[in-house]
Amino acid sequence: MAQVIGIVAGEASGDLLASHLMEAIRKARPDVEFVGIGGPKMQSAGMRVLFPMEKLAVFGYVEVLRHYFELVGIRRKLRAYFLSNRPLLFIGVDAPDFNFGLEHALKKRGIPTIHYVSPSIWAWRGERIKKIRKAVTHMLALFPHEPRIYQDAGVPVTYVGHPLADLLPDEPDRAAMRELMRIPLKAKVFAFLPGSRQSEVRQLAALFIETAKIILQGMPDARFLVPLASRETRAIFEQALYDCKAEEMPFSLLFGHAQDAMIAADIVLVASGTATLECALLKRPMVITYRLNALTWRIMRRKSYLPYFGLPNVLLGRFVVPELMQADATPENLAQALLNLLNDRNAVADLEVIFSELHKTLRQNTAQKAADAVLSCLPP
């Protein structure tokens, strides 16, 4: 008879993390079944989905408020399901605002709860540590500076490294990728990553397209690769191309293949999030940007402790790559930042060295370390 582990991931990066964790757990416990919310990678790893992951992929205070009742309803139904069909334990993968409430309810009823991916309480909303202590039996931290925070707060924690550091190559082969994608080696290629959430692509699509227009004025042979996470986000970007009268521009829209696009690119324009770390581990120069609803942005800025948002800058404790956020994120500013960095060969070479060192730090055989921590919490 299968033993059940409850699991919830809220977006594409969590789907990837969870799928590798599930596979590592199953090697030791093939009798385990995973049930909850997940994306295509988790489903391929054998999970049973109760609600589609896209329902949780909402970011920002105002945006969450618009979907508040639907999100609360999903969480209430999940709580009732897991209390009626008690799992061995529950794993919340990122999505902290959704998962902590669910974890708290389950932990109170004696179900062990593991949270995979520490929220960025070192950057903003540090008061969440009190909620985490009540909700989480064990925290799995991806970054080396995080365990001390939880140890000081009395929360059991394991540093597991970042799985992308295990998965991505030390030296990506750009020439081979361009040959595979039929892109000339001498072409100037920009990868534009507007995020995996529909709300992100709605905010950023027109901005990215207008940025490309400016770049093409001085670099008419430039090409733009745009990996999109779903049919919905692709449709949003295609509509933006139509609205911006840019349908004839040299954009190549890809279904997924974000890593391929970054490897093939000379430089990357990327929405702040996990993709910025992915880009760093692939040793590509980048410009980081983001836009939010104005009220959400003001609230976040008041609660922020750090001067930077992009993960490479956060992890290295300094601005190693440019960030242009909110009002500073204009087509003119983004185009100028991209071209400045692209044309600075010394800066690009320095970034490759810096990102290689970061890669070594984060490579920890993450899936196995995380699985070992989960297995230690399972009954025999």
Protein backbone atom coordinates (compact mmCIF):
# COMPACT_ATOMS: atom_id res chain seq x y z
CA MET A 1 0.00 0.00 0.00
CA ALA A 2 1.38 3.42 -0.98
CA GLN A 3 2.43 5.85 1.74
CA VAL A 4 1.45 9.45 0.97
CA ILE A 5 3.51 12.62 1.16
CA GLY A 6 1.62 15.87 0.64
CA ILE A 7 3.45 18.41 -1.50
CA VAL A 8 2.63 21.85 -2.93
CA ALA A 9 4.67 23.93 -5.41
CA GLY A 10 3.41 27.24 -6.73
CA GLU A 11 5.42 28.05 -9.85
CA ALA A 12 7.88 26.76 -12.45
CA SER A 13 11.02 26.99 -10.28
CA GLY A 14 9.29 25.06 -7.48
CA ASP A 15 8.06 22.48 -9.95
CA LEU A 16 11.68 21.80 -10.95
CA LEU A 17 12.95 21.65 -7.37
CA ALA A 18 10.16 19.37 -6.24
CA SER A 19 10.47 16.95 -9.16
CA HIS A 20 14.14 16.21 -8.36
CA LEU A 21 13.37 15.88 -4.66
CA MET A 22 10.55 13.45 -5.40
CA GLU A 23 12.80 11.30 -7.58
CA ALA A 24 15.51 11.19 -4.89
CA ILE A 25 13.00 10.22 -2.18
CA ARG A 26 11.51 7.49 -4.37
CA LYS A 27 14.91 5.84 -4.79
CA ALA A 28 14.94 5.15 -1.04
CA ARG A 29 11.17 4.80 -0.57
CA PRO A 30 9.54 3.47 -3.77
CA ASP A 31 6.32 2.90 -1.81
CA VAL A 32 5.74 6.67 -1.41
CA GLU A 33 3.04 8.50 -3.38
CA PHE A 34 3.02 12.31 -3.75
CA VAL A 35 -0.28 14.20 -3.70
CA GLY A 36 -1.03 17.92 -3.86
CA ILE A 37 -0.33 20.82 -6.24
CA GLY A 38 2.40 20.71 -8.86
CA GLY A 39 3.34 21.39 -12.42
CA PRO A 40 4.31 19.24 -15.41
CA LYS A 41 7.69 18.13 -14.04
CA MET A 42 6.15 16.94 -10.77
CA GLN A 43 3.41 15.17 -12.68
CA SER A 44 6.04 13.45 -14.82
CA ALA A 45 7.71 12.34 -11.59
CA GLY A 46 4.45 10.65 -10.64
CA MET A 47 2.50 13.02 -8.40
CA ARG A 48 -1.31 13.11 -8.18
CA VAL A 49 -2.52 16.68 -8.74
CA LEU A 50 -5.48 18.02 -6.75
CA PHE A 51 -5.36 21.59 -8.16
CA PRO A 52 -3.44 23.13 -11.12
CA MET A 53 -0.23 24.91 -10.15
CA GLU A 54 -1.08 27.99 -12.21
CA LYS A 55 -3.71 28.93 -9.62
CA LEU A 56 -0.92 29.74 -7.16
CA ALA A 57 1.39 31.62 -9.56
CA VAL A 58 0.39 35.12 -8.40
CA PHE A 59 2.90 37.66 -7.08
CA GLY A 60 2.53 40.95 -5.24
CA TYR A 61 0.14 42.31 -2.61
CA VAL A 62 -2.38 43.83 -4.99
CA GLU A 63 -2.24 40.87 -7.36
CA VAL A 64 -2.81 38.39 -4.51
CA LEU A 65 -5.77 40.45 -3.24
CA ARG A 66 -7.46 40.06 -6.61
CA HIS A 67 -7.27 36.26 -6.25
CA TYR A 68 -7.58 36.16 -2.47
CA PHE A 69 -10.84 34.26 -2.13
CA GLU A 70 -9.87 31.68 -4.72
CA LEU A 71 -6.50 31.08 -3.04
CA VAL A 72 -8.07 30.83 0.42
CA GLY A 73 -10.64 28.38 -0.94
CA ILE A 74 -7.95 26.16 -2.44
CA ARG A 75 -5.96 26.18 0.80
CA ARG A 76 -9.07 25.35 2.84
CA LYS A 77 -9.86 22.39 0.59
CA LEU A 78 -6.28 21.14 0.74
CA ARG A 79 -6.24 21.41 4.52
CA ALA A 80 -9.47 19.43 4.76
CA TYR A 81 -8.14 16.83 2.33
CA PHE A 82 -4.86 16.28 4.19
CA LEU A 83 -6.55 16.17 7.59
CA SER A 84 -8.98 13.55 6.30
CA ASN A 85 -6.29 11.66 4.37
CA ARG A 86 -3.32 12.16 6.66
CA PRO A 87 0.04 12.10 4.83
CA LEU A 88 3.27 10.87 6.40
CA LEU A 89 4.42 14.48 6.19
CA PHE A 90 3.85 17.61 4.12
CA ILE A 91 6.42 19.45 1.96
CA GLY A 92 5.78 23.06 0.98
CA VAL A 93 8.00 24.03 -1.93
CA ASP A 94 8.54 27.80 -1.94
CA ALA A 95 5.17 29.70 -2.33
CA PRO A 96 5.55 30.81 1.31
CA ASP A 97 2.44 32.98 1.62
CA PHE A 98 0.30 30.04 0.56
CA ASN A 99 2.24 27.20 2.16
CA PHE A 100 2.96 28.60 5.62
CA GLY A 101 -0.74 28.87 6.45
CA LEU A 102 -1.32 25.30 5.30
CA GLU A 103 1.78 24.05 7.11
CA HIS A 104 0.71 25.73 10.34
CA ALA A 105 -2.68 24.00 10.26
CA LEU A 106 -1.16 20.59 9.52
CA LYS A 107 1.63 20.91 12.09
CA LYS A 108 -0.93 21.74 14.80
CA ARG A 109 -2.63 18.44 14.01
CA GLY A 110 0.59 16.46 14.35
CA ILE A 111 1.65 16.22 10.70
CA PRO A 112 5.38 17.00 10.22
CA THR A 113 5.94 19.90 7.83
CA ILE A 114 9.04 20.58 5.76
CA HIS A 115 9.52 23.81 3.87
CA TYR A 116 11.84 23.61 0.87
CA VAL A 117 13.36 27.01 -0.03
CA SER A 118 13.74 29.57 2.70
CA PRO A 119 11.85 32.76 1.90
CA SER A 120 14.11 35.79 1.62
CA ILE A 121 13.63 36.97 5.22
CA TRP A 122 17.24 38.22 5.07
CA ALA A 123 16.10 40.71 2.40
CA TRP A 124 12.65 41.79 3.56
CA ARG A 125 9.77 40.87 5.89
CA GLY A 126 12.10 39.42 8.52
CA GLU A 127 9.19 39.28 10.96
CA ARG A 128 8.03 36.14 9.15
CA ILE A 129 10.47 34.08 11.22
CA LYS A 130 7.82 33.94 13.97
CA LYS A 131 5.26 32.49 11.56
CA ILE A 132 7.84 30.06 10.19
CA ARG A 133 8.69 28.77 13.67
CA LYS A 134 5.01 27.94 14.26
CA ALA A 135 4.48 26.39 10.84
CA VAL A 136 7.65 24.48 9.95
CA THR A 137 9.09 21.31 11.46
CA HIS A 138 12.23 21.51 9.32
CA MET A 139 13.54 24.13 6.86
CA LEU A 140 15.61 23.25 3.78
CA ALA A 141 17.80 26.23 2.86
CA LEU A 142 19.31 26.75 -0.59
CA PHE A 143 21.89 29.42 0.27
CA PRO A 144 24.83 29.23 2.72
CA HIS A 145 23.99 32.41 4.65
CA GLU A 146 20.49 31.21 5.60
CA PRO A 147 20.95 28.40 8.21
CA ARG A 148 22.29 30.76 10.90
CA ILE A 149 19.01 32.74 10.82
CA TYR A 150 16.96 29.62 11.56
CA GLN A 151 19.39 28.23 14.11
CA ASP A 152 19.17 31.49 16.05
CA ALA A 153 15.36 31.29 15.92
CA GLY A 154 15.24 27.66 17.05
CA VAL A 155 14.01 26.25 13.73
CA PRO A 156 15.67 22.96 12.60
CA VAL A 157 17.39 23.64 9.28
CA THR A 158 19.56 21.90 6.69
CA TYR A 159 21.66 23.69 4.06
CA VAL A 160 21.18 21.70 0.84
CA GLY A 161 22.69 24.01 -1.80
CA HIS A 162 20.87 24.89 -5.00
CA PRO A 163 19.86 22.12 -7.43
CA LEU A 164 20.59 24.27 -10.44
CA ALA A 165 24.26 24.23 -9.43
CA ASP A 166 24.21 20.43 -9.70
CA LEU A 167 22.29 20.38 -12.98
CA LEU A 168 23.99 23.10 -15.00
CA PRO A 169 27.39 22.59 -16.68
CA ASP A 170 30.54 24.38 -15.55
CA GLU A 171 31.23 25.56 -19.09
CA PRO A 172 28.10 25.80 -21.28
CA ASP A 173 28.86 25.18 -24.96
CA ARG A 174 27.52 28.25 -26.73
CA ALA A 175 28.84 27.22 -30.13
CA ALA A 176 27.10 23.84 -29.96
CA MET A 177 23.86 25.44 -28.77
CA ARG A 178 23.91 27.94 -31.60
CA GLU A 179 24.52 25.16 -34.10
CA LEU A 180 21.56 23.25 -32.63
CA MET A 181 19.36 26.37 -32.82
CA ARG A 182 20.70 27.26 -36.31
CA ILE A 183 22.02 30.62 -35.18
CA PRO A 184 25.27 31.90 -36.75
CA LEU A 185 28.12 32.10 -34.25
CA LYS A 186 28.83 35.73 -35.17
CA ALA A 187 25.22 36.89 -34.70
CA LYS A 188 24.43 39.22 -31.80
CA VAL A 189 21.84 37.38 -29.74
CA PHE A 190 19.83 38.70 -26.81
CA ALA A 191 17.79 36.39 -24.58
CA PHE A 192 14.78 38.17 -23.08
CA LEU A 193 13.20 36.38 -20.09
CA PRO A 194 10.04 38.19 -18.91
CA GLY A 195 9.22 35.69 -16.15
CA SER A 196 7.14 32.55 -15.78
CA ARG A 197 4.00 34.08 -14.25
CA GLN A 198 1.25 35.53 -16.43
CA SER A 199 1.23 38.68 -14.29
CA GLU A 200 4.97 39.18 -14.90
CA VAL A 201 4.68 38.81 -18.65
CA ARG A 202 1.78 41.26 -18.73
CA GLN A 203 3.91 43.82 -16.88
CA LEU A 204 7.10 43.28 -18.88
CA ALA A 205 6.24 42.18 -22.43
CA ALA A 206 5.75 45.64 -23.95
CA LEU A 207 8.77 46.97 -22.04
CA PHE A 208 10.98 44.23 -23.47
CA ILE A 209 9.66 44.75 -27.00
CA GLU A 210 10.26 48.52 -26.88
CA THR A 211 13.76 47.84 -25.54
CA ALA A 212 14.45 45.60 -28.54
CA LYS A 213 13.28 48.35 -30.89
CA ILE A 214 15.93 50.70 -29.51
CA ILE A 215 18.66 48.05 -29.70
CA LEU A 216 17.79 47.37 -33.35
CA GLN A 217 18.28 51.03 -34.24
CA GLY A 218 22.02 50.70 -33.59
CA MET A 219 22.34 46.95 -34.14
CA PRO A 220 19.99 46.02 -37.00
CA ASP A 221 21.23 42.42 -37.23
CA ALA A 222 20.45 41.65 -33.55
CA ARG A 223 18.23 38.66 -32.73
CA PHE A 224 16.00 38.10 -29.70
CA LEU A 225 15.18 34.77 -28.09
CA VAL A 226 12.15 34.79 -25.77
CA PRO A 227 11.51 31.57 -23.82
CA LEU A 228 7.98 31.44 -22.41
CA ALA A 229 6.82 29.02 -19.74
CA SER A 230 3.30 28.23 -20.95
CA ARG A 231 0.78 28.68 -23.75
CA GLU A 232 -0.84 31.42 -21.68
CA THR A 233 2.35 33.46 -21.31
CA ARG A 234 3.17 32.96 -24.98
CA ALA A 235 -0.28 34.28 -25.92
CA ILE A 236 0.28 37.35 -23.72
CA PHE A 237 3.63 38.07 -25.38
CA GLU A 238 2.20 37.54 -28.88
CA GLN A 239 -0.58 40.04 -28.10
CA ALA A 240 2.04 42.52 -26.92
CA LEU A 241 3.94 42.09 -30.20
CA TYR A 242 0.72 42.91 -32.05
CA ASP A 243 -0.08 45.89 -29.82
CA CYS A 244 3.46 47.26 -30.22
CA LYS A 245 3.35 46.75 -34.01
CA ALA A 246 6.40 44.50 -33.69
CA GLU A 247 5.24 41.32 -35.40
CA GLU A 248 7.96 41.58 -38.06
CA MET A 249 10.78 42.08 -35.56
CA PRO A 250 13.43 39.33 -35.16
CA PHE A 251 11.86 37.66 -32.11
CA SER A 252 11.98 33.88 -31.72
CA LEU A 253 9.40 32.76 -29.17
CA LEU A 254 10.27 29.45 -27.53
CA PHE A 255 8.15 27.03 -25.51
CA GLY A 256 10.37 26.72 -22.46
CA HIS A 257 14.05 26.17 -23.34
CA ALA A 258 15.09 29.11 -21.12
CA GLN A 259 18.49 27.55 -20.46
CA ASP A 260 19.08 26.96 -24.16
CA ALA A 261 18.23 30.59 -24.90
CA MET A 262 20.62 31.87 -22.22
CA ILE A 263 23.45 29.60 -23.36
CA ALA A 264 23.02 30.76 -26.96
CA ALA A 265 22.81 34.45 -26.03
CA ASP A 266 25.56 37.05 -25.84
CA ILE A 267 23.62 38.80 -23.06
CA VAL A 268 20.37 38.36 -21.16
CA LEU A 269 17.59 40.70 -20.04
CA VAL A 270 15.87 38.86 -17.21
CA ALA A 271 13.01 39.43 -14.78
CA SER A 272 14.17 39.31 -11.16
CA GLY A 273 13.68 35.82 -9.75
CA THR A 274 15.21 32.35 -9.94
CA ALA A 275 16.09 32.87 -13.61
CA THR A 276 18.74 35.40 -12.56
CA LEU A 277 20.57 32.68 -10.63
CA GLU A 278 20.14 30.29 -13.55
CA CYS A 279 21.71 32.91 -15.81
CA ALA A 280 24.65 33.39 -13.41
CA LEU A 281 25.29 29.64 -13.22
CA LEU A 282 25.33 29.59 -17.03
CA LYS A 283 28.02 32.33 -16.83
CA ARG A 284 26.07 34.81 -18.95
CA PRO A 285 26.16 38.60 -18.50
CA MET A 286 22.75 40.01 -17.65
CA VAL A 287 20.65 43.03 -16.82
CA ILE A 288 17.98 42.42 -14.19
CA THR A 289 14.66 44.23 -14.22
CA TYR A 290 11.17 44.10 -12.74
CA ARG A 291 7.93 46.01 -12.58
CA LEU A 292 5.08 45.63 -10.13
CA ASN A 293 1.80 47.29 -9.37
CA ALA A 294 2.79 50.68 -7.90
CA LEU A 295 1.21 50.01 -4.47
CA THR A 296 2.86 46.59 -4.21
CA TRP A 297 6.21 48.16 -5.07
CA ARG A 298 5.89 50.86 -2.39
CA ILE A 299 5.02 48.28 0.26
CA MET A 300 7.93 46.02 -0.74
CA ARG A 301 10.44 48.88 -0.74
CA ARG A 302 9.43 49.90 2.79
CA LYS A 303 9.97 46.34 4.02
CA SER A 304 13.24 45.75 2.15
CA TYR A 305 16.61 45.56 3.95
CA LEU A 306 18.95 45.27 0.96
CA PRO A 307 19.78 47.68 -1.87
CA TYR A 308 19.52 44.92 -4.50
CA PHE A 309 16.92 42.39 -5.66
CA GLY A 310 18.60 40.01 -8.14
CA LEU A 311 19.89 36.80 -6.60
CA PRO A 312 23.45 37.10 -8.01
CA ASN A 313 23.81 40.51 -6.37
CA VAL A 314 22.21 39.32 -3.13
CA LEU A 315 24.42 36.23 -2.85
CA LEU A 316 27.60 38.14 -3.65
CA GLY A 317 26.68 41.12 -1.49
CA ARG A 318 27.28 43.75 -4.17
CA PHE A 319 26.08 44.96 -7.54
CA VAL A 320 27.90 42.62 -9.91
CA VAL A 321 25.23 43.06 -12.61
CA PRO A 322 22.95 46.04 -13.30
CA GLU A 323 19.44 46.21 -11.85
CA LEU A 324 16.81 48.55 -13.28
CA MET A 325 13.61 48.28 -11.31
CA GLN A 326 10.16 49.88 -11.48
CA ALA A 327 10.43 53.54 -12.60
CA ASP A 328 14.03 53.02 -13.72
CA ALA A 329 12.91 50.17 -15.98
CA THR A 330 12.42 52.14 -19.20
CA PRO A 331 13.21 50.91 -22.71
CA GLU A 332 15.93 53.54 -23.03
CA ASN A 333 17.62 52.59 -19.75
CA LEU A 334 17.43 48.86 -20.39
CA ALA A 335 18.76 49.13 -23.94
CA GLN A 336 21.66 51.31 -22.79
CA ALA A 337 22.56 48.97 -19.91
CA LEU A 338 22.49 45.92 -22.17
CA LEU A 339 24.65 47.54 -24.84
CA ASN A 340 27.11 48.96 -22.30
CA LEU A 341 27.69 45.56 -20.74
CA LEU A 342 27.73 43.72 -24.06
CA ASN A 343 30.46 46.00 -25.36
CA ASP A 344 32.62 45.79 -22.21
CA ARG A 345 34.68 42.64 -22.79
CA ASN A 346 36.60 42.96 -19.53
CA ALA A 347 33.39 43.18 -17.51
CA VAL A 348 31.98 40.11 -19.27
CA ALA A 349 35.18 38.14 -18.61
CA ASP A 350 35.15 39.18 -14.94
CA LEU A 351 31.55 38.00 -14.59
CA GLU A 352 32.46 34.55 -15.90
CA VAL A 353 35.07 34.19 -13.13
CA ILE A 354 32.74 35.50 -10.42
CA PHE A 355 29.87 33.26 -11.50
CA SER A 356 32.14 30.21 -11.68
CA GLU A 357 33.11 30.68 -8.01
CA LEU A 358 29.45 31.09 -7.05
CA HIS A 359 28.65 27.87 -8.91
CA LYS A 360 31.19 25.93 -6.82
CA THR A 361 29.74 27.27 -3.57
CA LEU A 362 26.16 26.27 -4.41
CA ARG A 363 26.94 22.79 -5.76
CA GLN A 364 26.01 20.46 -2.87
CA ASN A 365 24.25 17.42 -4.43
CA THR A 366 21.06 19.19 -3.43
CA ALA A 367 18.38 16.65 -4.31
CA GLN A 368 20.06 13.93 -2.27
CA LYS A 369 20.74 16.21 0.71
CA ALA A 370 17.13 17.41 0.69
CA ALA A 371 15.83 13.84 0.32
CA ASP A 372 17.97 12.69 3.26
CA ALA A 373 16.49 15.45 5.42
CA VAL A 374 12.95 14.49 4.40
CA LEU A 375 13.60 10.78 4.93
CA SER A 376 14.90 11.48 8.44
CA CYS A 377 11.46 12.88 9.28
CA LEU A 378 9.54 9.89 7.89
CA PRO A 379 8.37 7.02 10.06
CA PRO A 380 10.17 3.73 9.26
